[in-house]
Amino acid sequence: MSVDVVDAPERRRFEATVDGAPAGYAEYLLGADLIVFPHTVVDPAFEGKGVGSALARTALDEARRRGLAVLATCPFISGWMQRHPEYLDLAYQNRTTAKD
């Protein structure tokens, strides 16, 4: 099984496919220095198969590459970041606290 994730800026979301079939997406709102992740959806047929993790990792890696702070209001993305502390430096709260 191959999970591919691409940014679909015209739909404001990262989209995941598994062997070419739509499997899920992570919606975002983009500002100049901030990306907000309000909602993530994984098709029930693909739950537990790494689709959500692939979405989170790709989206957060792209945020890092672009120098964006991350505000994860989506419980999935927020929880994923907590379980992968190497991404916590991207958190909006951490960035604003560091500047004070």
PDB file of N, CA and C in Angstrom:
ATOM      1  N   MET A   1       0.846  -1.182   0.000  1.00  0.00           N
ATOM      2  CA  MET A   1       0.000   0.000   0.000  1.00  0.00           C
ATOM      3  C   MET A   1       0.887   1.239   0.000  1.00  0.00           C
ATOM      4  N   SER A   2       0.617   2.150  -0.900  1.00  0.00           N
ATOM      5  CA  SER A   2       1.386   3.383  -1.018  1.00  0.00           C
ATOM      6  C   SER A   2       0.486   4.585  -0.748  1.00  0.00           C
ATOM      7  N   VAL A   3       0.860   5.401   0.258  1.00  0.00           N
ATOM      8  CA  VAL A   3       0.114   6.621   0.576  1.00  0.00           C
ATOM      9  C   VAL A   3       0.868   7.797  -0.033  1.00  0.00           C
ATOM     10  N   ASP A   4       0.188   8.548  -0.876  1.00  0.00           N
ATOM     11  CA  ASP A   4       0.764   9.748  -1.467  1.00  0.00           C
ATOM     12  C   ASP A   4      -0.027  10.946  -0.975  1.00  0.00           C
ATOM     13  N   VAL A   5       0.677  12.026  -0.630  1.00  0.00           N
ATOM     14  CA  VAL A   5       0.035  13.254  -0.155  1.00  0.00           C
ATOM     15  C   VAL A   5       0.537  14.414  -0.999  1.00  0.00           C
ATOM     16  N   VAL A   6      -0.410  15.221  -1.458  1.00  0.00           N
ATOM     17  CA  VAL A   6      -0.072  16.416  -2.232  1.00  0.00           C
ATOM     18  C   VAL A   6      -0.830  17.611  -1.672  1.00  0.00           C
ATOM     19  N   ASP A   7      -0.252  18.785  -1.842  1.00  0.00           N
ATOM     20  CA  ASP A   7      -0.921  20.024  -1.486  1.00  0.00           C
ATOM     21  C   ASP A   7      -1.866  20.382  -2.635  1.00  0.00           C
ATOM     22  N   ALA A   8      -3.105  20.672  -2.292  1.00  0.00           N
ATOM     23  CA  ALA A   8      -4.099  21.129  -3.273  1.00  0.00           C
ATOM     24  C   ALA A   8      -4.527  22.541  -2.854  1.00  0.00           C
ATOM     25  N   PRO A   9      -3.684  23.552  -3.139  1.00  0.00           N
ATOM     26  CA  PRO A   9      -3.956  24.903  -2.636  1.00  0.00           C
ATOM     27  C   PRO A   9      -5.282  25.482  -3.132  1.00  0.00           C
ATOM     28  N   GLU A  10      -5.727  25.068  -4.301  1.00  0.00           N
ATOM     29  CA  GLU A  10      -7.004  25.581  -4.806  1.00  0.00           C
ATOM     30  C   GLU A  10      -8.179  25.108  -3.941  1.00  0.00           C
ATOM     31  N   ARG A  11      -7.986  24.017  -3.195  1.00  0.00           N
ATOM     32  CA  ARG A  11      -9.016  23.514  -2.272  1.00  0.00           C
ATOM     33  C   ARG A  11      -8.619  23.747  -0.817  1.00  0.00           C
ATOM     34  N   ARG A  12      -7.471  24.382  -0.602  1.00  0.00           N
ATOM     35  CA  ARG A  12      -6.933  24.674   0.733  1.00  0.00           C
ATOM     36  C   ARG A  12      -6.862  23.419   1.601  1.00  0.00           C
ATOM     37  N   ARG A  13      -6.198  22.393   1.047  1.00  0.00           N
ATOM     38  CA  ARG A  13      -6.030  21.175   1.821  1.00  0.00           C
ATOM     39  C   ARG A  13      -4.934  20.297   1.236  1.00  0.00           C
ATOM     40  N   PHE A  14      -4.391  19.467   2.093  1.00  0.00           N
ATOM     41  CA  PHE A  14      -3.494  18.411   1.662  1.00  0.00           C
ATOM     42  C   PHE A  14      -4.361  17.185   1.429  1.00  0.00           C
ATOM     43  N   GLU A  15      -4.135  16.502   0.309  1.00  0.00           N
ATOM     44  CA  GLU A  15      -4.968  15.361  -0.048  1.00  0.00           C
ATOM     45  C   GLU A  15      -4.125  14.096  -0.116  1.00  0.00           C
ATOM     46  N   ALA A  16      -4.671  13.028   0.453  1.00  0.00           N
ATOM     47  CA  ALA A  16      -3.985  11.740   0.460  1.00  0.00           C
ATOM     48  C   ALA A  16      -4.709  10.769  -0.467  1.00  0.00           C
ATOM     49  N   THR A  17      -3.924   9.997  -1.188  1.00  0.00           N
ATOM     50  CA  THR A  17      -4.461   8.897  -1.981  1.00  0.00           C
ATOM     51  C   THR A  17      -3.695   7.634  -1.614  1.00  0.00           C
ATOM     52  N   VAL A  18      -4.370   6.522  -1.748  1.00  0.00           N
ATOM     53  CA  VAL A  18      -3.741   5.216  -1.540  1.00  0.00           C
ATOM     54  C   VAL A  18      -3.905   4.446  -2.840  1.00  0.00           C
ATOM     55  N   ASP A  19      -2.791   4.144  -3.452  1.00  0.00           N
ATOM     56  CA  ASP A  19      -2.806   3.460  -4.746  1.00  0.00           C
ATOM     57  C   ASP A  19      -3.766   4.142  -5.724  1.00  0.00           C
ATOM     58  N   GLY A  20      -3.771   5.485  -5.685  1.00  0.00           N
ATOM     59  CA  GLY A  20      -4.577   6.280  -6.600  1.00  0.00           C
ATOM     60  C   GLY A  20      -5.989   6.584  -6.137  1.00  0.00           C
ATOM     61  N   ALA A  21      -6.461   5.941  -5.074  1.00  0.00           N
ATOM     62  CA  ALA A  21      -7.826   6.174  -4.582  1.00  0.00           C
ATOM     63  C   ALA A  21      -7.823   7.255  -3.504  1.00  0.00           C
ATOM     64  N   PRO A  22      -8.772   8.207  -3.545  1.00  0.00           N
ATOM     65  CA  PRO A  22      -8.854   9.233  -2.493  1.00  0.00           C
ATOM     66  C   PRO A  22      -9.002   8.570  -1.122  1.00  0.00           C
ATOM     67  N   ALA A  23      -8.171   9.025  -0.162  1.00  0.00           N
ATOM     68  CA  ALA A  23      -8.160   8.382   1.154  1.00  0.00           C
ATOM     69  C   ALA A  23      -8.384   9.360   2.298  1.00  0.00           C
ATOM     70  N   GLY A  24      -8.167  10.662   2.064  1.00  0.00           N
ATOM     71  CA  GLY A  24      -8.364  11.628   3.137  1.00  0.00           C
ATOM     72  C   GLY A  24      -7.785  12.969   2.787  1.00  0.00           C
ATOM     73  N   TYR A  25      -7.988  13.909   3.722  1.00  0.00           N
ATOM     74  CA  TYR A  25      -7.446  15.255   3.509  1.00  0.00           C
ATOM     75  C   TYR A  25      -7.308  15.978   4.840  1.00  0.00           C
ATOM     76  N   ALA A  26      -6.440  16.980   4.841  1.00  0.00           N
ATOM     77  CA  ALA A  26      -6.252  17.885   5.978  1.00  0.00           C
ATOM     78  C   ALA A  26      -6.458  19.302   5.460  1.00  0.00           C
ATOM     79  N   GLU A  27      -7.534  19.936   5.929  1.00  0.00           N
ATOM     80  CA  GLU A  27      -7.850  21.301   5.505  1.00  0.00           C
ATOM     81  C   GLU A  27      -6.915  22.294   6.190  1.00  0.00           C
ATOM     82  N   TYR A  28      -6.685  23.426   5.507  1.00  0.00           N
ATOM     83  CA  TYR A  28      -5.878  24.479   6.122  1.00  0.00           C
ATOM     84  C   TYR A  28      -6.341  25.864   5.706  1.00  0.00           C
ATOM     85  N   LEU A  29      -5.998  26.817   6.564  1.00  0.00           N
ATOM     86  CA  LEU A  29      -6.155  28.239   6.283  1.00  0.00           C
ATOM     87  C   LEU A  29      -4.749  28.814   6.332  1.00  0.00           C
ATOM     88  N   LEU A  30      -4.385  29.571   5.331  1.00  0.00           N
ATOM     89  CA  LEU A  30      -3.008  30.034   5.208  1.00  0.00           C
ATOM     90  C   LEU A  30      -2.927  31.544   5.353  1.00  0.00           C
ATOM     91  N   GLY A  31      -2.043  31.979   6.249  1.00  0.00           N
ATOM     92  CA  GLY A  31      -1.745  33.391   6.404  1.00  0.00           C
ATOM     93  C   GLY A  31      -0.296  33.638   5.990  1.00  0.00           C
ATOM     94  N   ALA A  32       0.176  34.845   6.197  1.00  0.00           N
ATOM     95  CA  ALA A  32       1.533  35.192   5.798  1.00  0.00           C
ATOM     96  C   ALA A  32       2.585  34.387   6.560  1.00  0.00           C
ATOM     97  N   ASP A  33       2.385  34.211   7.865  1.00  0.00           N
ATOM     98  CA  ASP A  33       3.363  33.514   8.702  1.00  0.00           C
ATOM     99  C   ASP A  33       2.767  32.355   9.475  1.00  0.00           C
ATOM    100  N   LEU A  34       1.511  32.010   9.182  1.00  0.00           N
ATOM    101  CA  LEU A  34       0.787  31.032   9.979  1.00  0.00           C
ATOM    102  C   LEU A  34      -0.062  30.133   9.095  1.00  0.00           C
ATOM    103  N   ILE A  35      -0.108  28.856   9.438  1.00  0.00           N
ATOM    104  CA  ILE A  35      -1.031  27.926   8.813  1.00  0.00           C
ATOM    105  C   ILE A  35      -1.871  27.302   9.916  1.00  0.00           C
ATOM    106  N   VAL A  36      -3.186  27.297   9.712  1.00  0.00           N
ATOM    107  CA  VAL A  36      -4.136  26.753  10.686  1.00  0.00           C
ATOM    108  C   VAL A  36      -4.698  25.464  10.094  1.00  0.00           C
ATOM    109  N   PHE A  37      -4.696  24.400  10.898  1.00  0.00           N
ATOM    110  CA  PHE A  37      -5.281  23.127  10.487  1.00  0.00           C
ATOM    111  C   PHE A  37      -6.550  22.896  11.302  1.00  0.00           C
ATOM    112  N   PRO A  38      -7.741  23.190  10.708  1.00  0.00           N
ATOM    113  CA  PRO A  38      -8.980  23.050  11.467  1.00  0.00           C
ATOM    114  C   PRO A  38      -9.623  21.666  11.398  1.00  0.00           C
ATOM    115  N   HIS A  39      -9.299  20.868  10.372  1.00  0.00           N
ATOM    116  CA  HIS A  39     -10.066  19.637  10.184  1.00  0.00           C
ATOM    117  C   HIS A  39      -9.283  18.632   9.343  1.00  0.00           C
ATOM    118  N   THR A  40      -9.306  17.385   9.766  1.00  0.00           N
ATOM    119  CA  THR A  40      -8.686  16.291   9.014  1.00  0.00           C
ATOM    120  C   THR A  40      -9.704  15.174   8.873  1.00  0.00           C
ATOM    121  N   VAL A  41      -9.765  14.586   7.696  1.00  0.00           N
ATOM    122  CA  VAL A  41     -10.692  13.491   7.428  1.00  0.00           C
ATOM    123  C   VAL A  41      -9.921  12.341   6.787  1.00  0.00           C
ATOM    124  N   VAL A  42     -10.153  11.130   7.304  1.00  0.00           N
ATOM    125  CA  VAL A  42      -9.630   9.913   6.673  1.00  0.00           C
ATOM    126  C   VAL A  42     -10.826   9.026   6.363  1.00  0.00           C
ATOM    127  N   ASP A  43     -10.914   8.573   5.126  1.00  0.00           N
ATOM    128  CA  ASP A  43     -11.985   7.671   4.730  1.00  0.00           C
ATOM    129  C   ASP A  43     -11.945   6.436   5.629  1.00  0.00           C
ATOM    130  N   PRO A  44     -13.101   6.008   6.151  1.00  0.00           N
ATOM    131  CA  PRO A  44     -13.119   4.849   7.051  1.00  0.00           C
ATOM    132  C   PRO A  44     -12.429   3.605   6.481  1.00  0.00           C
ATOM    133  N   ALA A  45     -12.450   3.440   5.175  1.00  0.00           N
ATOM    134  CA  ALA A  45     -11.799   2.278   4.559  1.00  0.00           C
ATOM    135  C   ALA A  45     -10.284   2.295   4.740  1.00  0.00           C
ATOM    136  N   PHE A  46      -9.723   3.476   5.064  1.00  0.00           N
ATOM    137  CA  PHE A  46      -8.274   3.605   5.186  1.00  0.00           C
ATOM    138  C   PHE A  46      -7.812   3.921   6.605  1.00  0.00           C
ATOM    139  N   GLU A  47      -8.740   3.934   7.569  1.00  0.00           N
ATOM    140  CA  GLU A  47      -8.357   4.215   8.950  1.00  0.00           C
ATOM    141  C   GLU A  47      -7.401   3.139   9.461  1.00  0.00           C
ATOM    142  N   GLY A  48      -6.431   3.583  10.257  1.00  0.00           N
ATOM    143  CA  GLY A  48      -5.455   2.661  10.829  1.00  0.00           C
ATOM    144  C   GLY A  48      -4.386   2.194   9.864  1.00  0.00           C
ATOM    145  N   LYS A  49      -4.301   2.827   8.708  1.00  0.00           N
ATOM    146  CA  LYS A  49      -3.335   2.410   7.690  1.00  0.00           C
ATOM    147  C   LYS A  49      -2.275   3.462   7.416  1.00  0.00           C
ATOM    148  N   GLY A  50      -2.165   4.455   8.309  1.00  0.00           N
ATOM    149  CA  GLY A  50      -1.113   5.455   8.179  1.00  0.00           C
ATOM    150  C   GLY A  50      -1.463   6.664   7.334  1.00  0.00           C
ATOM    151  N   VAL A  51      -2.702   6.758   6.883  1.00  0.00           N
ATOM    152  CA  VAL A  51      -3.090   7.893   6.040  1.00  0.00           C
ATOM    153  C   VAL A  51      -3.050   9.194   6.837  1.00  0.00           C
ATOM    154  N   GLY A  52      -3.627   9.178   8.035  1.00  0.00           N
ATOM    155  CA  GLY A  52      -3.620  10.383   8.869  1.00  0.00           C
ATOM    156  C   GLY A  52      -2.208  10.828   9.197  1.00  0.00           C
ATOM    157  N   SER A  53      -1.356   9.882   9.538  1.00  0.00           N
ATOM    158  CA  SER A  53       0.040  10.222   9.838  1.00  0.00           C
ATOM    159  C   SER A  53       0.752  10.799   8.625  1.00  0.00           C
ATOM    160  N   ALA A  54       0.495  10.238   7.458  1.00  0.00           N
ATOM    161  CA  ALA A  54       1.115  10.763   6.235  1.00  0.00           C
ATOM    162  C   ALA A  54       0.640  12.188   5.960  1.00  0.00           C
ATOM    163  N   LEU A  55      -0.657  12.436   6.175  1.00  0.00           N
ATOM    164  CA  LEU A  55      -1.176  13.798   6.001  1.00  0.00           C
ATOM    165  C   LEU A  55      -0.503  14.760   6.970  1.00  0.00           C
ATOM    166  N   ALA A  56      -0.454  14.382   8.245  1.00  0.00           N
ATOM    167  CA  ALA A  56       0.134  15.260   9.258  1.00  0.00           C
ATOM    168  C   ALA A  56       1.608  15.525   8.962  1.00  0.00           C
ATOM    169  N   ARG A  57       2.354  14.479   8.712  1.00  0.00           N
ATOM    170  CA  ARG A  57       3.797  14.645   8.472  1.00  0.00           C
ATOM    171  C   ARG A  57       4.059  15.523   7.252  1.00  0.00           C
ATOM    172  N   THR A  58       3.361  15.276   6.166  1.00  0.00           N
ATOM    173  CA  THR A  58       3.579  16.069   4.950  1.00  0.00           C
ATOM    174  C   THR A  58       3.202  17.532   5.167  1.00  0.00           C
ATOM    175  N   ALA A  59       2.044  17.759   5.798  1.00  0.00           N
ATOM    176  CA  ALA A  59       1.592  19.132   6.040  1.00  0.00           C
ATOM    177  C   ALA A  59       2.561  19.883   6.950  1.00  0.00           C
ATOM    178  N   LEU A  60       3.015  19.216   8.001  1.00  0.00           N
ATOM    179  CA  LEU A  60       3.927  19.878   8.944  1.00  0.00           C
ATOM    180  C   LEU A  60       5.316  20.069   8.344  1.00  0.00           C
ATOM    181  N   ASP A  61       5.769  19.108   7.558  1.00  0.00           N
ATOM    182  CA  ASP A  61       7.053  19.285   6.875  1.00  0.00           C
ATOM    183  C   ASP A  61       6.991  20.472   5.915  1.00  0.00           C
ATOM    184  N   GLU A  62       5.857  20.640   5.245  1.00  0.00           N
ATOM    185  CA  GLU A  62       5.701  21.778   4.330  1.00  0.00           C
ATOM    186  C   GLU A  62       5.653  23.088   5.112  1.00  0.00           C
ATOM    187  N   ALA A  63       4.973  23.090   6.249  1.00  0.00           N
ATOM    188  CA  ALA A  63       4.954  24.292   7.093  1.00  0.00           C
ATOM    189  C   ALA A  63       6.374  24.660   7.523  1.00  0.00           C
ATOM    190  N   ARG A  64       7.143  23.673   7.937  1.00  0.00           N
ATOM    191  CA  ARG A  64       8.537  23.924   8.336  1.00  0.00           C
ATOM    192  C   ARG A  64       9.336  24.483   7.155  1.00  0.00           C
ATOM    193  N   ARG A  65       9.192  23.860   6.000  1.00  0.00           N
ATOM    194  CA  ARG A  65       9.933  24.296   4.810  1.00  0.00           C
ATOM    195  C   ARG A  65       9.623  25.753   4.478  1.00  0.00           C
ATOM    196  N   ARG A  66       8.377  26.170   4.699  1.00  0.00           N
ATOM    197  CA  ARG A  66       7.961  27.533   4.365  1.00  0.00           C
ATOM    198  C   ARG A  66       8.130  28.504   5.525  1.00  0.00           C
ATOM    199  N   GLY A  67       8.603  28.037   6.673  1.00  0.00           N
ATOM    200  CA  GLY A  67       8.832  28.920   7.815  1.00  0.00           C
ATOM    201  C   GLY A  67       7.551  29.369   8.500  1.00  0.00           C
ATOM    202  N   LEU A  68       6.503  28.566   8.423  1.00  0.00           N
ATOM    203  CA  LEU A  68       5.212  28.934   8.991  1.00  0.00           C
ATOM    204  C   LEU A  68       5.040  28.392  10.409  1.00  0.00           C
ATOM    205  N   ALA A  69       4.414  29.179  11.258  1.00  0.00           N
ATOM    206  CA  ALA A  69       3.960  28.677  12.551  1.00  0.00           C
ATOM    207  C   ALA A  69       2.686  27.875  12.300  1.00  0.00           C
ATOM    208  N   VAL A  70       2.403  26.915  13.176  1.00  0.00           N
ATOM    209  CA  VAL A  70       1.253  26.027  13.012  1.00  0.00           C
ATOM    210  C   VAL A  70       0.288  26.204  14.178  1.00  0.00           C
ATOM    211  N   LEU A  71      -0.971  26.437  13.834  1.00  0.00           N
ATOM    212  CA  LEU A  71      -2.043  26.434  14.826  1.00  0.00           C
ATOM    213  C   LEU A  71      -2.936  25.247  14.480  1.00  0.00           C
ATOM    214  N   ALA A  72      -2.838  24.197  15.280  1.00  0.00           N
ATOM    215  CA  ALA A  72      -3.588  22.963  15.017  1.00  0.00           C
ATOM    216  C   ALA A  72      -4.837  22.934  15.885  1.00  0.00           C
ATOM    217  N   THR A  73      -5.943  23.439  15.339  1.00  0.00           N
ATOM    218  CA  THR A  73      -7.210  23.357  16.061  1.00  0.00           C
ATOM    219  C   THR A  73      -7.878  22.005  15.815  1.00  0.00           C
ATOM    220  N   CYS A  74      -7.418  21.288  14.830  1.00  0.00           N
ATOM    221  CA  CYS A  74      -7.883  19.927  14.559  1.00  0.00           C
ATOM    222  C   CYS A  74      -7.316  18.999  15.634  1.00  0.00           C
ATOM    223  N   PRO A  75      -8.171  18.257  16.339  1.00  0.00           N
ATOM    224  CA  PRO A  75      -7.669  17.361  17.386  1.00  0.00           C
ATOM    225  C   PRO A  75      -6.675  16.314  16.870  1.00  0.00           C
ATOM    226  N   PHE A  76      -6.861  15.840  15.637  1.00  0.00           N
ATOM    227  CA  PHE A  76      -5.941  14.833  15.117  1.00  0.00           C
ATOM    228  C   PHE A  76      -4.543  15.417  14.926  1.00  0.00           C
ATOM    229  N   ILE A  77      -4.443  16.546  14.236  1.00  0.00           N
ATOM    230  CA  ILE A  77      -3.124  17.153  13.984  1.00  0.00           C
ATOM    231  C   ILE A  77      -2.483  17.565  15.308  1.00  0.00           C
ATOM    232  N   SER A  78      -3.250  18.148  16.196  1.00  0.00           N
ATOM    233  CA  SER A  78      -2.725  18.553  17.501  1.00  0.00           C
ATOM    234  C   SER A  78      -2.183  17.346  18.273  1.00  0.00           C
ATOM    235  N   GLY A  79      -2.958  16.285  18.328  1.00  0.00           N
ATOM    236  CA  GLY A  79      -2.519  15.076  19.021  1.00  0.00           C
ATOM    237  C   GLY A  79      -1.302  14.453  18.363  1.00  0.00           C
ATOM    238  N   TRP A  80      -1.260  14.475  17.043  1.00  0.00           N
ATOM    239  CA  TRP A  80      -0.125  13.909  16.317  1.00  0.00           C
ATOM    240  C   TRP A  80       1.151  14.675  16.660  1.00  0.00           C
ATOM    241  N   MET A  81       1.027  15.995  16.737  1.00  0.00           N
ATOM    242  CA  MET A  81       2.194  16.804  17.102  1.00  0.00           C
ATOM    243  C   MET A  81       2.659  16.464  18.517  1.00  0.00           C
ATOM    244  N   GLN A  82       1.733  16.242  19.430  1.00  0.00           N
ATOM    245  CA  GLN A  82       2.107  15.888  20.807  1.00  0.00           C
ATOM    246  C   GLN A  82       2.841  14.547  20.849  1.00  0.00           C
ATOM    247  N   ARG A  83       2.444  13.631  19.988  1.00  0.00           N
ATOM    248  CA  ARG A  83       3.102  12.315  19.948  1.00  0.00           C
ATOM    249  C   ARG A  83       4.413  12.337  19.164  1.00  0.00           C
ATOM    250  N   HIS A  84       4.670  13.419  18.451  1.00  0.00           N
ATOM    251  CA  HIS A  84       5.899  13.577  17.664  1.00  0.00           C
ATOM    252  C   HIS A  84       6.529  14.921  18.036  1.00  0.00           C
ATOM    253  N   PRO A  85       7.181  14.974  19.193  1.00  0.00           N
ATOM    254  CA  PRO A  85       7.681  16.249  19.725  1.00  0.00           C
ATOM    255  C   PRO A  85       8.679  16.966  18.826  1.00  0.00           C
ATOM    256  N   GLU A  86       9.219  16.282  17.846  1.00  0.00           N
ATOM    257  CA  GLU A  86      10.132  16.965  16.916  1.00  0.00           C
ATOM    258  C   GLU A  86       9.408  18.034  16.089  1.00  0.00           C
ATOM    259  N   TYR A  87       8.074  18.046  16.147  1.00  0.00           N
ATOM    260  CA  TYR A  87       7.291  19.049  15.428  1.00  0.00           C
ATOM    261  C   TYR A  87       6.746  20.152  16.336  1.00  0.00           C
ATOM    262  N   LEU A  88       6.937  20.036  17.639  1.00  0.00           N
ATOM    263  CA  LEU A  88       6.355  21.012  18.562  1.00  0.00           C
ATOM    264  C   LEU A  88       6.938  22.416  18.407  1.00  0.00           C
ATOM    265  N   ASP A  89       8.150  22.529  17.860  1.00  0.00           N
ATOM    266  CA  ASP A  89       8.720  23.859  17.645  1.00  0.00           C
ATOM    267  C   ASP A  89       7.920  24.665  16.627  1.00  0.00           C
ATOM    268  N   LEU A  90       7.103  23.994  15.824  1.00  0.00           N
ATOM    269  CA  LEU A  90       6.270  24.689  14.843  1.00  0.00           C
ATOM    270  C   LEU A  90       5.025  25.308  15.464  1.00  0.00           C
ATOM    271  N   ALA A  91       4.640  24.833  16.641  1.00  0.00           N
ATOM    272  CA  ALA A  91       3.387  25.265  17.262  1.00  0.00           C
ATOM    273  C   ALA A  91       3.383  26.769  17.482  1.00  0.00           C
ATOM    274  N   TYR A  92       2.297  27.389  17.088  1.00  0.00           N
ATOM    275  CA  TYR A  92       2.121  28.840  17.218  1.00  0.00           C
ATOM    276  C   TYR A  92       2.409  29.301  18.639  1.00  0.00           C
ATOM    277  N   GLN A  93       1.889  28.569  19.622  1.00  0.00           N
ATOM    278  CA  GLN A  93       2.087  28.940  21.026  1.00  0.00           C
ATOM    279  C   GLN A  93       3.575  28.977  21.381  1.00  0.00           C
ATOM    280  N   ASN A  94       4.317  28.017  20.896  1.00  0.00           N
ATOM    281  CA  ASN A  94       5.746  27.956  21.188  1.00  0.00           C
ATOM    282  C   ASN A  94       6.513  29.088  20.506  1.00  0.00           C
ATOM    283  N   ARG A  95       6.103  29.428  19.332  1.00  0.00           N
ATOM    284  CA  ARG A  95       6.787  30.494  18.600  1.00  0.00           C
ATOM    285  C   ARG A  95       6.504  31.862  19.211  1.00  0.00           C
ATOM    286  N   THR A  96       5.262  32.112  19.626  1.00  0.00           N
ATOM    287  CA  THR A  96       4.942  33.418  20.207  1.00  0.00           C
ATOM    288  C   THR A  96       5.578  33.556  21.586  1.00  0.00           C
ATOM    289  N   THR A  97       5.647  32.482  22.345  1.00  0.00           N
ATOM    290  CA  THR A  97       6.292  32.519  23.660  1.00  0.00           C
ATOM    291  C   THR A  97       7.777  32.767  23.521  1.00  0.00           C
ATOM    292  N   ALA A  98       8.389  32.167  22.523  1.00  0.00           N
ATOM    293  CA  ALA A  98       9.831  32.332  22.331  1.00  0.00           C
ATOM    294  C   ALA A  98      10.192  33.775  21.971  1.00  0.00           C
ATOM    295  N   LYS A  99       9.275  34.492  21.331  1.00  0.00           N
ATOM    296  CA  LYS A  99       9.553  35.880  20.919  1.00  0.00           C
ATOM    297  C   LYS A  99       9.390  36.867  22.064  1.00  0.00           C
ATOM    298  N   ASP A 100       8.604  36.498  23.083  1.00  0.00           N
ATOM    299  CA  ASP A 100       8.351  37.413  24.215  1.00  0.00           C
ATOM    300  C   ASP A 100       9.531  37.571  25.109  1.00  0.00           C
TER     301      ASP A 100
END
